[in-house]
Amino acid sequence: MVGTFALLGFPPFGSFVGELLILSALVSSRQMLVFAAFCILITMSFVAMARTIFPMIWGEPHEKHDWPRQTFLAASPKIGFLVILIVLGIYIPPVVNGLIVQVATSLGGP
């Protein structure tokens, strides 16, 4: 569900900021026809995604399954990757930061 919201451009995800920047640039350049088309396309993508994904999230399953409980050993890789993701979201090591800056510079960034 979180991934779907990120793809659809809901706040606080980065795609939401991108959509706002596109919309504000269209308004400031007085491209109202393109602005309206963009808003319609965003709405259509939300409705299409919602019709597909939301029944899977909140609907009742057709069959009842008794899934076995997952052991800590089986869940530990997922927990490890989650910890790495959280740590990298809070602190980026200087080596990785330098690599990102080099890539951005080679692509014409600041």
PDB file of N, CA and C in Angstrom:
ATOM      1  N   MET A   1       0.832  -1.185   0.000  1.00  0.00           N
ATOM      2  CA  MET A   1       0.000   0.000   0.000  1.00  0.00           C
ATOM      3  C   MET A   1       0.879   1.251   0.000  1.00  0.00           C
ATOM      4  N   VAL A   2       1.945   1.225   0.797  1.00  0.00           N
ATOM      5  CA  VAL A   2       2.842   2.384   0.853  1.00  0.00           C
ATOM      6  C   VAL A   2       3.507   2.597  -0.503  1.00  0.00           C
ATOM      7  N   GLY A   3       3.924   1.509  -1.139  1.00  0.00           N
ATOM      8  CA  GLY A   3       4.529   1.621  -2.462  1.00  0.00           C
ATOM      9  C   GLY A   3       3.560   2.186  -3.483  1.00  0.00           C
ATOM     10  N   THR A   4       2.314   1.793  -3.398  1.00  0.00           N
ATOM     11  CA  THR A   4       1.301   2.329  -4.312  1.00  0.00           C
ATOM     12  C   THR A   4       1.123   3.824  -4.096  1.00  0.00           C
ATOM     13  N   PHE A   5       1.073   4.245  -2.843  1.00  0.00           N
ATOM     14  CA  PHE A   5       0.939   5.676  -2.571  1.00  0.00           C
ATOM     15  C   PHE A   5       2.160   6.449  -3.047  1.00  0.00           C
ATOM     16  N   ALA A   6       3.336   5.849  -2.932  1.00  0.00           N
ATOM     17  CA  ALA A   6       4.547   6.510  -3.424  1.00  0.00           C
ATOM     18  C   ALA A   6       4.506   6.647  -4.938  1.00  0.00           C
ATOM     19  N   LEU A   7       4.059   5.591  -5.628  1.00  0.00           N
ATOM     20  CA  LEU A   7       3.967   5.655  -7.090  1.00  0.00           C
ATOM     21  C   LEU A   7       2.925   6.665  -7.559  1.00  0.00           C
ATOM     22  N   LEU A   8       1.862   6.801  -6.798  1.00  0.00           N
ATOM     23  CA  LEU A   8       0.803   7.734  -7.176  1.00  0.00           C
ATOM     24  C   LEU A   8       1.135   9.184  -6.850  1.00  0.00           C
ATOM     25  N   GLY A   9       2.197   9.412  -6.111  1.00  0.00           N
ATOM     26  CA  GLY A   9       2.603  10.781  -5.832  1.00  0.00           C
ATOM     27  C   GLY A   9       1.891  11.412  -4.657  1.00  0.00           C
ATOM     28  N   PHE A  10       1.622  10.637  -3.633  1.00  0.00           N
ATOM     29  CA  PHE A  10       1.013  11.180  -2.422  1.00  0.00           C
ATOM     30  C   PHE A  10       2.105  11.785  -1.548  1.00  0.00           C
ATOM     31  N   PRO A  11       1.753  12.809  -0.744  1.00  0.00           N
ATOM     32  CA  PRO A  11       2.750  13.310   0.202  1.00  0.00           C
ATOM     33  C   PRO A  11       2.995  12.251   1.268  1.00  0.00           C
ATOM     34  N   PRO A  12       4.130  12.123   1.813  1.00  0.00           N
ATOM     35  CA  PRO A  12       5.352  12.917   1.798  1.00  0.00           C
ATOM     36  C   PRO A  12       6.405  12.389   0.824  1.00  0.00           C
ATOM     37  N   PHE A  13       6.013  11.653  -0.193  1.00  0.00           N
ATOM     38  CA  PHE A  13       6.964  11.026  -1.102  1.00  0.00           C
ATOM     39  C   PHE A  13       7.492  12.049  -2.104  1.00  0.00           C
ATOM     40  N   GLY A  14       8.674  11.756  -2.650  1.00  0.00           N
ATOM     41  CA  GLY A  14       9.344  12.683  -3.566  1.00  0.00           C
ATOM     42  C   GLY A  14       8.580  12.925  -4.847  1.00  0.00           C
ATOM     43  N   SER A  15       7.821  11.942  -5.305  1.00  0.00           N
ATOM     44  CA  SER A  15       7.055  12.141  -6.534  1.00  0.00           C
ATOM     45  C   SER A  15       5.969  13.206  -6.354  1.00  0.00           C
ATOM     46  N   PHE A  16       5.500  13.400  -5.133  1.00  0.00           N
ATOM     47  CA  PHE A  16       4.532  14.460  -4.868  1.00  0.00           C
ATOM     48  C   PHE A  16       5.157  15.830  -5.115  1.00  0.00           C
ATOM     49  N   VAL A  17       6.381  16.006  -4.650  1.00  0.00           N
ATOM     50  CA  VAL A  17       7.096  17.272  -4.875  1.00  0.00           C
ATOM     51  C   VAL A  17       7.302  17.485  -6.367  1.00  0.00           C
ATOM     52  N   GLY A  18       7.660  16.421  -7.083  1.00  0.00           N
ATOM     53  CA  GLY A  18       7.844  16.529  -8.528  1.00  0.00           C
ATOM     54  C   GLY A  18       6.569  16.945  -9.236  1.00  0.00           C
ATOM     55  N   GLU A  19       5.455  16.362  -8.842  1.00  0.00           N
ATOM     56  CA  GLU A  19       4.177  16.740  -9.448  1.00  0.00           C
ATOM     57  C   GLU A  19       3.845  18.199  -9.151  1.00  0.00           C
ATOM     58  N   LEU A  20       4.084  18.634  -7.920  1.00  0.00           N
ATOM     59  CA  LEU A  20       3.818  20.033  -7.592  1.00  0.00           C
ATOM     60  C   LEU A  20       4.695  20.983  -8.398  1.00  0.00           C
ATOM     61  N   LEU A  21       5.964  20.624  -8.579  1.00  0.00           N
ATOM     62  CA  LEU A  21       6.861  21.473  -9.374  1.00  0.00           C
ATOM     63  C   LEU A  21       6.409  21.550 -10.820  1.00  0.00           C
ATOM     64  N   ILE A  22       5.985  20.427 -11.377  1.00  0.00           N
ATOM     65  CA  ILE A  22       5.486  20.431 -12.756  1.00  0.00           C
ATOM     66  C   ILE A  22       4.242  21.284 -12.864  1.00  0.00           C
ATOM     67  N   LEU A  23       3.311  21.111 -11.941  1.00  0.00           N
ATOM     68  CA  LEU A  23       2.070  21.891 -11.984  1.00  0.00           C
ATOM     69  C   LEU A  23       2.326  23.386 -11.801  1.00  0.00           C
ATOM     70  N   SER A  24       3.215  23.754 -10.881  1.00  0.00           N
ATOM     71  CA  SER A  24       3.487  25.177 -10.679  1.00  0.00           C
ATOM     72  C   SER A  24       4.199  25.775 -11.895  1.00  0.00           C
ATOM     73  N   ALA A  25       5.077  25.010 -12.539  1.00  0.00           N
ATOM     74  CA  ALA A  25       5.742  25.512 -13.745  1.00  0.00           C
ATOM     75  C   ALA A  25       4.741  25.697 -14.884  1.00  0.00           C
ATOM     76  N   LEU A  26       3.776  24.795 -14.974  1.00  0.00           N
ATOM     77  CA  LEU A  26       2.756  24.931 -16.018  1.00  0.00           C
ATOM     78  C   LEU A  26       1.886  26.161 -15.780  1.00  0.00           C
ATOM     79  N   VAL A  27       1.532  26.411 -14.525  1.00  0.00           N
ATOM     80  CA  VAL A  27       0.708  27.591 -14.214  1.00  0.00           C
ATOM     81  C   VAL A  27       1.499  28.868 -14.461  1.00  0.00           C
ATOM     82  N   SER A  28       2.766  28.897 -14.033  1.00  0.00           N
ATOM     83  CA  SER A  28       3.553  30.117 -14.204  1.00  0.00           C
ATOM     84  C   SER A  28       3.863  30.411 -15.669  1.00  0.00           C
ATOM     85  N   SER A  29       3.897  29.366 -16.506  1.00  0.00           N
ATOM     86  CA  SER A  29       4.129  29.606 -17.941  1.00  0.00           C
ATOM     87  C   SER A  29       2.826  29.706 -18.722  1.00  0.00           C
ATOM     88  N   ARG A  30       1.717  29.731 -18.020  1.00  0.00           N
ATOM     89  CA  ARG A  30       0.379  29.919 -18.593  1.00  0.00           C
ATOM     90  C   ARG A  30       0.012  28.831 -19.608  1.00  0.00           C
ATOM     91  N   GLN A  31       0.395  27.622 -19.309  1.00  0.00           N
ATOM     92  CA  GLN A  31       0.053  26.466 -20.146  1.00  0.00           C
ATOM     93  C   GLN A  31      -1.150  25.746 -19.521  1.00  0.00           C
ATOM     94  N   MET A  32      -2.290  26.399 -19.535  1.00  0.00           N
ATOM     95  CA  MET A  32      -3.454  25.884 -18.823  1.00  0.00           C
ATOM     96  C   MET A  32      -4.030  24.625 -19.468  1.00  0.00           C
ATOM     97  N   LEU A  33      -3.912  24.490 -20.773  1.00  0.00           N
ATOM     98  CA  LEU A  33      -4.404  23.289 -21.435  1.00  0.00           C
ATOM     99  C   LEU A  33      -3.569  22.067 -21.025  1.00  0.00           C
ATOM    100  N   VAL A  34      -2.264  22.241 -20.993  1.00  0.00           N
ATOM    101  CA  VAL A  34      -1.380  21.163 -20.562  1.00  0.00           C
ATOM    102  C   VAL A  34      -1.587  20.888 -19.072  1.00  0.00           C
ATOM    103  N   PHE A  35      -1.800  21.944 -18.285  1.00  0.00           N
ATOM    104  CA  PHE A  35      -2.082  21.801 -16.858  1.00  0.00           C
ATOM    105  C   PHE A  35      -3.333  20.947 -16.655  1.00  0.00           C
ATOM    106  N   ALA A  36      -4.397  21.247 -17.393  1.00  0.00           N
ATOM    107  CA  ALA A  36      -5.644  20.491 -17.264  1.00  0.00           C
ATOM    108  C   ALA A  36      -5.446  19.037 -17.695  1.00  0.00           C
ATOM    109  N   ALA A  37      -4.704  18.838 -18.787  1.00  0.00           N
ATOM    110  CA  ALA A  37      -4.449  17.474 -19.257  1.00  0.00           C
ATOM    111  C   ALA A  37      -3.637  16.694 -18.226  1.00  0.00           C
ATOM    112  N   PHE A  38      -2.647  17.340 -17.625  1.00  0.00           N
ATOM    113  CA  PHE A  38      -1.828  16.685 -16.603  1.00  0.00           C
ATOM    114  C   PHE A  38      -2.680  16.304 -15.399  1.00  0.00           C
ATOM    115  N   CYS A  39      -3.551  17.204 -14.963  1.00  0.00           N
ATOM    116  CA  CYS A  39      -4.427  16.911 -13.824  1.00  0.00           C
ATOM    117  C   CYS A  39      -5.375  15.751 -14.147  1.00  0.00           C
ATOM    118  N   ILE A  40      -5.895  15.718 -15.362  1.00  0.00           N
ATOM    119  CA  ILE A  40      -6.782  14.624 -15.771  1.00  0.00           C
ATOM    120  C   ILE A  40      -6.016  13.305 -15.791  1.00  0.00           C
ATOM    121  N   LEU A  41      -4.794  13.317 -16.315  1.00  0.00           N
ATOM    122  CA  LEU A  41      -3.999  12.092 -16.365  1.00  0.00           C
ATOM    123  C   LEU A  41      -3.619  11.599 -14.967  1.00  0.00           C
ATOM    124  N   ILE A  42      -3.314  12.516 -14.067  1.00  0.00           N
ATOM    125  CA  ILE A  42      -3.020  12.123 -12.688  1.00  0.00           C
ATOM    126  C   ILE A  42      -4.250  11.477 -12.051  1.00  0.00           C
ATOM    127  N   THR A  43      -5.404  12.077 -12.270  1.00  0.00           N
ATOM    128  CA  THR A  43      -6.641  11.533 -11.714  1.00  0.00           C
ATOM    129  C   THR A  43      -6.959  10.167 -12.303  1.00  0.00           C
ATOM    130  N   MET A  44      -6.776  10.030 -13.622  1.00  0.00           N
ATOM    131  CA  MET A  44      -7.036   8.739 -14.264  1.00  0.00           C
ATOM    132  C   MET A  44      -6.100   7.655 -13.742  1.00  0.00           C
ATOM    133  N   SER A  45      -4.844   7.997 -13.544  1.00  0.00           N
ATOM    134  CA  SER A  45      -3.906   6.994 -13.031  1.00  0.00           C
ATOM    135  C   SER A  45      -4.260   6.612 -11.599  1.00  0.00           C
ATOM    136  N   PHE A  46      -4.704   7.577 -10.794  1.00  0.00           N
ATOM    137  CA  PHE A  46      -5.124   7.257  -9.433  1.00  0.00           C
ATOM    138  C   PHE A  46      -6.329   6.327  -9.434  1.00  0.00           C
ATOM    139  N   VAL A  47      -7.326   6.626 -10.253  1.00  0.00           N
ATOM    140  CA  VAL A  47      -8.541   5.803 -10.288  1.00  0.00           C
ATOM    141  C   VAL A  47      -8.222   4.399 -10.792  1.00  0.00           C
ATOM    142  N   ALA A  48      -7.401   4.306 -11.844  1.00  0.00           N
ATOM    143  CA  ALA A  48      -7.054   2.993 -12.379  1.00  0.00           C
ATOM    144  C   ALA A  48      -6.281   2.171 -11.354  1.00  0.00           C
ATOM    145  N   MET A  49      -5.349   2.802 -10.681  1.00  0.00           N
ATOM    146  CA  MET A  49      -4.566   2.099  -9.666  1.00  0.00           C
ATOM    147  C   MET A  49      -5.459   1.719  -8.491  1.00  0.00           C
ATOM    148  N   ALA A  50      -6.337   2.624  -8.089  1.00  0.00           N
ATOM    149  CA  ALA A  50      -7.212   2.361  -6.946  1.00  0.00           C
ATOM    150  C   ALA A  50      -8.152   1.195  -7.233  1.00  0.00           C
ATOM    151  N   ARG A  51      -8.675   1.124  -8.442  1.00  0.00           N
ATOM    152  CA  ARG A  51      -9.590   0.034  -8.785  1.00  0.00           C
ATOM    153  C   ARG A  51      -8.899  -1.317  -8.765  1.00  0.00           C
ATOM    154  N   THR A  52      -7.600  -1.313  -9.012  1.00  0.00           N
ATOM    155  CA  THR A  52      -6.860  -2.573  -9.029  1.00  0.00           C
ATOM    156  C   THR A  52      -6.295  -2.922  -7.661  1.00  0.00           C
ATOM    157  N   ILE A  53      -5.677  -1.962  -7.015  1.00  0.00           N
ATOM    158  CA  ILE A  53      -4.915  -2.238  -5.800  1.00  0.00           C
ATOM    159  C   ILE A  53      -5.792  -2.257  -4.544  1.00  0.00           C
ATOM    160  N   PHE A  54      -6.714  -1.323  -4.403  1.00  0.00           N
ATOM    161  CA  PHE A  54      -7.472  -1.214  -3.157  1.00  0.00           C
ATOM    162  C   PHE A  54      -8.301  -2.458  -2.836  1.00  0.00           C
ATOM    163  N   PRO A  55      -8.929  -3.132  -3.810  1.00  0.00           N
ATOM    164  CA  PRO A  55      -9.610  -4.383  -3.447  1.00  0.00           C
ATOM    165  C   PRO A  55      -8.652  -5.449  -2.921  1.00  0.00           C
ATOM    166  N   MET A  56      -7.400  -5.438  -3.407  1.00  0.00           N
ATOM    167  CA  MET A  56      -6.426  -6.397  -2.888  1.00  0.00           C
ATOM    168  C   MET A  56      -6.037  -6.060  -1.454  1.00  0.00           C
ATOM    169  N   ILE A  57      -6.010  -4.760  -1.130  1.00  0.00           N
ATOM    170  CA  ILE A  57      -5.592  -4.349   0.206  1.00  0.00           C
ATOM    171  C   ILE A  57      -6.718  -4.551   1.223  1.00  0.00           C
ATOM    172  N   TRP A  58      -7.920  -4.090   0.897  1.00  0.00           N
ATOM    173  CA  TRP A  58      -9.012  -4.096   1.868  1.00  0.00           C
ATOM    174  C   TRP A  58     -10.086  -5.145   1.607  1.00  0.00           C
ATOM    175  N   GLY A  59      -9.979  -5.863   0.515  1.00  0.00           N
ATOM    176  CA  GLY A  59     -11.002  -6.857   0.209  1.00  0.00           C
ATOM    177  C   GLY A  59     -10.851  -8.127   1.030  1.00  0.00           C
ATOM    178  N   GLU A  60     -11.885  -8.912   1.046  1.00  0.00           N
ATOM    179  CA  GLU A  60     -11.858 -10.192   1.747  1.00  0.00           C
ATOM    180  C   GLU A  60     -11.216 -11.236   0.837  1.00  0.00           C
ATOM    181  N   PRO A  61     -10.361 -12.080   1.380  1.00  0.00           N
ATOM    182  CA  PRO A  61      -9.760 -13.127   0.555  1.00  0.00           C
ATOM    183  C   PRO A  61     -10.805 -14.169   0.160  1.00  0.00           C
ATOM    184  N   HIS A  62     -10.615 -14.749  -1.025  1.00  0.00           N
ATOM    185  CA  HIS A  62     -11.560 -15.765  -1.489  1.00  0.00           C
ATOM    186  C   HIS A  62     -11.383 -17.070  -0.720  1.00  0.00           C
ATOM    187  N   GLU A  63     -10.144 -17.371  -0.348  1.00  0.00           N
ATOM    188  CA  GLU A  63      -9.867 -18.584   0.406  1.00  0.00           C
ATOM    189  C   GLU A  63      -9.148 -18.216   1.699  1.00  0.00           C
ATOM    190  N   LYS A  64      -9.455 -18.933   2.743  1.00  0.00           N
ATOM    191  CA  LYS A  64      -8.763 -18.715   4.007  1.00  0.00           C
ATOM    192  C   LYS A  64      -7.507 -19.585   4.033  1.00  0.00           C
ATOM    193  N   HIS A  65      -6.380 -18.982   4.388  1.00  0.00           N
ATOM    194  CA  HIS A  65      -5.124 -19.718   4.471  1.00  0.00           C
ATOM    195  C   HIS A  65      -4.604 -19.660   5.898  1.00  0.00           C
ATOM    196  N   ASP A  66      -4.041 -20.741   6.320  1.00  0.00           N
ATOM    197  CA  ASP A  66      -3.363 -20.787   7.608  1.00  0.00           C
ATOM    198  C   ASP A  66      -1.868 -20.796   7.345  1.00  0.00           C
ATOM    199  N   TRP A  67      -1.278 -19.614   7.266  1.00  0.00           N
ATOM    200  CA  TRP A  67       0.142 -19.517   6.987  1.00  0.00           C
ATOM    201  C   TRP A  67       0.928 -19.780   8.264  1.00  0.00           C
ATOM    202  N   PRO A  68       2.015 -20.543   8.147  1.00  0.00           N
ATOM    203  CA  PRO A  68       2.827 -20.781   9.350  1.00  0.00           C
ATOM    204  C   PRO A  68       3.560 -19.516   9.769  1.00  0.00           C
ATOM    205  N   ARG A  69       3.823 -19.398  11.070  1.00  0.00           N
ATOM    206  CA  ARG A  69       4.558 -18.235  11.566  1.00  0.00           C
ATOM    207  C   ARG A  69       5.982 -18.295  11.071  1.00  0.00           C
ATOM    208  N   GLN A  70       6.515 -17.130  10.730  1.00  0.00           N
ATOM    209  CA  GLN A  70       7.870 -17.052  10.209  1.00  0.00           C
ATOM    210  C   GLN A  70       8.865 -17.033  11.371  1.00  0.00           C
ATOM    211  N   THR A  71       9.920 -17.803  11.237  1.00  0.00           N
ATOM    212  CA  THR A  71      10.930 -17.836  12.289  1.00  0.00           C
ATOM    213  C   THR A  71      11.798 -16.586  12.205  1.00  0.00           C
ATOM    214  N   PHE A  72      12.492 -16.309  13.298  1.00  0.00           N
ATOM    215  CA  PHE A  72      13.372 -15.135  13.316  1.00  0.00           C
ATOM    216  C   PHE A  72      14.492 -15.290  12.296  1.00  0.00           C
ATOM    217  N   LEU A  73      14.987 -16.492  12.115  1.00  0.00           N
ATOM    218  CA  LEU A  73      16.059 -16.735  11.158  1.00  0.00           C
ATOM    219  C   LEU A  73      15.588 -16.438   9.733  1.00  0.00           C
ATOM    220  N   ALA A  74      14.353 -16.779   9.415  1.00  0.00           N
ATOM    221  CA  ALA A  74      13.822 -16.504   8.080  1.00  0.00           C
ATOM    222  C   ALA A  74      13.543 -15.014   7.887  1.00  0.00           C
ATOM    223  N   ALA A  75      13.181 -14.310   8.947  1.00  0.00           N
ATOM    224  CA  ALA A  75      12.856 -12.889   8.848  1.00  0.00           C
ATOM    225  C   ALA A  75      14.073 -11.995   8.998  1.00  0.00           C
ATOM    226  N   SER A  76      15.197 -12.528   9.458  1.00  0.00           N
ATOM    227  CA  SER A  76      16.359 -11.678   9.739  1.00  0.00           C
ATOM    228  C   SER A  76      16.918 -10.945   8.515  1.00  0.00           C
ATOM    229  N   PRO A  77      16.949 -11.522   7.296  1.00  0.00           N
ATOM    230  CA  PRO A  77      17.414 -10.709   6.152  1.00  0.00           C
ATOM    231  C   PRO A  77      16.527  -9.490   5.895  1.00  0.00           C
ATOM    232  N   LYS A  78      15.230  -9.661   6.037  1.00  0.00           N
ATOM    233  CA  LYS A  78      14.317  -8.531   5.841  1.00  0.00           C
ATOM    234  C   LYS A  78      14.528  -7.464   6.905  1.00  0.00           C
ATOM    235  N   ILE A  79      14.701  -7.902   8.140  1.00  0.00           N
ATOM    236  CA  ILE A  79      14.946  -6.961   9.230  1.00  0.00           C
ATOM    237  C   ILE A  79      16.269  -6.236   9.012  1.00  0.00           C
ATOM    238  N   GLY A  80      17.295  -6.977   8.553  1.00  0.00           N
ATOM    239  CA  GLY A  80      18.598  -6.362   8.277  1.00  0.00           C
ATOM    240  C   GLY A  80      18.520  -5.308   7.194  1.00  0.00           C
ATOM    241  N   PHE A  81      17.827  -5.622   6.104  1.00  0.00           N
ATOM    242  CA  PHE A  81      17.678  -4.638   5.030  1.00  0.00           C
ATOM    243  C   PHE A  81      16.868  -3.433   5.485  1.00  0.00           C
ATOM    244  N   LEU A  82      15.877  -3.645   6.334  1.00  0.00           N
ATOM    245  CA  LEU A  82      15.098  -2.529   6.863  1.00  0.00           C
ATOM    246  C   LEU A  82      15.971  -1.625   7.719  1.00  0.00           C
ATOM    247  N   VAL A  83      16.823  -2.210   8.549  1.00  0.00           N
ATOM    248  CA  VAL A  83      17.735  -1.422   9.387  1.00  0.00           C
ATOM    249  C   VAL A  83      18.700  -0.632   8.513  1.00  0.00           C
ATOM    250  N   ILE A  84      19.260  -1.261   7.480  1.00  0.00           N
ATOM    251  CA  ILE A  84      20.168  -0.561   6.557  1.00  0.00           C
ATOM    252  C   ILE A  84      19.446   0.593   5.868  1.00  0.00           C
ATOM    253  N   LEU A  85      18.214   0.361   5.439  1.00  0.00           N
ATOM    254  CA  LEU A  85      17.436   1.413   4.781  1.00  0.00           C
ATOM    255  C   LEU A  85      17.193   2.590   5.714  1.00  0.00           C
ATOM    256  N   ILE A  86      16.854   2.324   6.956  1.00  0.00           N
ATOM    257  CA  ILE A  86      16.614   3.403   7.917  1.00  0.00           C
ATOM    258  C   ILE A  86      17.905   4.157   8.208  1.00  0.00           C
ATOM    259  N   VAL A  87      19.011   3.428   8.396  1.00  0.00           N
ATOM    260  CA  VAL A  87      20.291   4.073   8.689  1.00  0.00           C
ATOM    261  C   VAL A  87      20.720   4.947   7.513  1.00  0.00           C
ATOM    262  N   LEU A  88      20.590   4.444   6.278  1.00  0.00           N
ATOM    263  CA  LEU A  88      20.983   5.243   5.114  1.00  0.00           C
ATOM    264  C   LEU A  88      20.043   6.431   4.898  1.00  0.00           C
ATOM    265  N   GLY A  89      18.818   6.333   5.398  1.00  0.00           N
ATOM    266  CA  GLY A  89      17.915   7.473   5.316  1.00  0.00           C
ATOM    267  C   GLY A  89      18.281   8.566   6.303  1.00  0.00           C
ATOM    268  N   ILE A  90      18.967   8.195   7.374  1.00  0.00           N
ATOM    269  CA  ILE A  90      19.354   9.165   8.396  1.00  0.00           C
ATOM    270  C   ILE A  90      20.785   9.651   8.192  1.00  0.00           C
ATOM    271  N   TYR A  91      21.699   8.739   7.857  1.00  0.00           N
ATOM    272  CA  TYR A  91      23.112   9.090   7.731  1.00  0.00           C
ATOM    273  C   TYR A  91      23.707   8.411   6.500  1.00  0.00           C
ATOM    274  N   ILE A  92      24.262   9.194   5.597  1.00  0.00           N
ATOM    275  CA  ILE A  92      24.936   8.655   4.421  1.00  0.00           C
ATOM    276  C   ILE A  92      26.435   8.737   4.672  1.00  0.00           C
ATOM    277  N   PRO A  93      27.158   7.609   4.602  1.00  0.00           N
ATOM    278  CA  PRO A  93      28.603   7.635   4.825  1.00  0.00           C
ATOM    279  C   PRO A  93      29.306   8.539   3.809  1.00  0.00           C
ATOM    280  N   PRO A  94      30.425   9.165   4.201  1.00  0.00           N
ATOM    281  CA  PRO A  94      31.127  10.084   3.300  1.00  0.00           C
ATOM    282  C   PRO A  94      31.535   9.456   1.969  1.00  0.00           C
ATOM    283  N   VAL A  95      31.893   8.173   1.973  1.00  0.00           N
ATOM    284  CA  VAL A  95      32.286   7.516   0.722  1.00  0.00           C
ATOM    285  C   VAL A  95      31.104   7.459  -0.245  1.00  0.00           C
ATOM    286  N   VAL A  96      29.936   7.070   0.247  1.00  0.00           N
ATOM    287  CA  VAL A  96      28.746   6.990  -0.591  1.00  0.00           C
ATOM    288  C   VAL A  96      28.314   8.387  -1.022  1.00  0.00           C
ATOM    289  N   ASN A  97      28.393   9.360  -0.125  1.00  0.00           N
ATOM    290  CA  ASN A  97      28.039  10.732  -0.457  1.00  0.00           C
ATOM    291  C   ASN A  97      28.956  11.276  -1.546  1.00  0.00           C
ATOM    292  N   GLY A  98      30.265  10.993  -1.449  1.00  0.00           N
ATOM    293  CA  GLY A  98      31.197  11.436  -2.476  1.00  0.00           C
ATOM    294  C   GLY A  98      30.887  10.824  -3.827  1.00  0.00           C
ATOM    295  N   LEU A  99      30.505   9.552  -3.841  1.00  0.00           N
ATOM    296  CA  LEU A  99      30.132   8.891  -5.091  1.00  0.00           C
ATOM    297  C   LEU A  99      28.893   9.531  -5.706  1.00  0.00           C
ATOM    298  N   ILE A 100      27.908   9.845  -4.879  1.00  0.00           N
ATOM    299  CA  ILE A 100      26.685  10.487  -5.380  1.00  0.00           C
ATOM    300  C   ILE A 100      27.003  11.868  -5.937  1.00  0.00           C
ATOM    301  N   VAL A 101      27.879  12.629  -5.269  1.00  0.00           N
ATOM    302  CA  VAL A 101      28.267  13.952  -5.751  1.00  0.00           C
ATOM    303  C   VAL A 101      29.003  13.836  -7.081  1.00  0.00           C
ATOM    304  N   GLN A 102      29.885  12.843  -7.230  1.00  0.00           N
ATOM    305  CA  GLN A 102      30.608  12.650  -8.479  1.00  0.00           C
ATOM    306  C   GLN A 102      29.662  12.319  -9.625  1.00  0.00           C
ATOM    307  N   VAL A 103      28.693  11.468  -9.370  1.00  0.00           N
ATOM    308  CA  VAL A 103      27.716  11.117 -10.402  1.00  0.00           C
ATOM    309  C   VAL A 103      26.887  12.347 -10.776  1.00  0.00           C
ATOM    310  N   ALA A 104      26.448  13.111  -9.793  1.00  0.00           N
ATOM    311  CA  ALA A 104      25.657  14.308 -10.079  1.00  0.00           C
ATOM    312  C   ALA A 104      26.477  15.321 -10.872  1.00  0.00           C
ATOM    313  N   THR A 105      27.746  15.477 -10.542  1.00  0.00           N
ATOM    314  CA  THR A 105      28.611  16.403 -11.265  1.00  0.00           C
ATOM    315  C   THR A 105      28.819  15.944 -12.697  1.00  0.00           C
ATOM    316  N   SER A 106      28.996  14.644 -12.904  1.00  0.00           N
ATOM    317  CA  SER A 106      29.205  14.141 -14.262  1.00  0.00           C
ATOM    318  C   SER A 106      27.934  14.282 -15.110  1.00  0.00           C
ATOM    319  N   LEU A 107      26.781  14.330 -14.462  1.00  0.00           N
ATOM    320  CA  LEU A 107      25.528  14.523 -15.195  1.00  0.00           C
ATOM    321  C   LEU A 107      25.179  15.995 -15.390  1.00  0.00           C
ATOM    322  N   GLY A 108      26.037  16.882 -14.934  1.00  0.00           N
ATOM    323  CA  GLY A 108      25.808  18.301 -15.136  1.00  0.00           C
ATOM    324  C   GLY A 108      25.187  18.993 -13.951  1.00  0.00           C
ATOM    325  N   GLY A 109      25.243  18.393 -12.785  1.00  0.00           N
ATOM    326  CA  GLY A 109      24.695  19.010 -11.580  1.00  0.00           C
ATOM    327  C   GLY A 109      25.657  20.029 -11.005  1.00  0.00           C
ATOM    328  N   PRO A 110      25.327  20.562  -9.828  1.00  0.00           N
ATOM    329  CA  PRO A 110      26.148  21.602  -9.219  1.00  0.00           C
ATOM    330  C   PRO A 110      27.532  21.155  -8.816  1.00  0.00           C
TER     331      PRO A 110
END
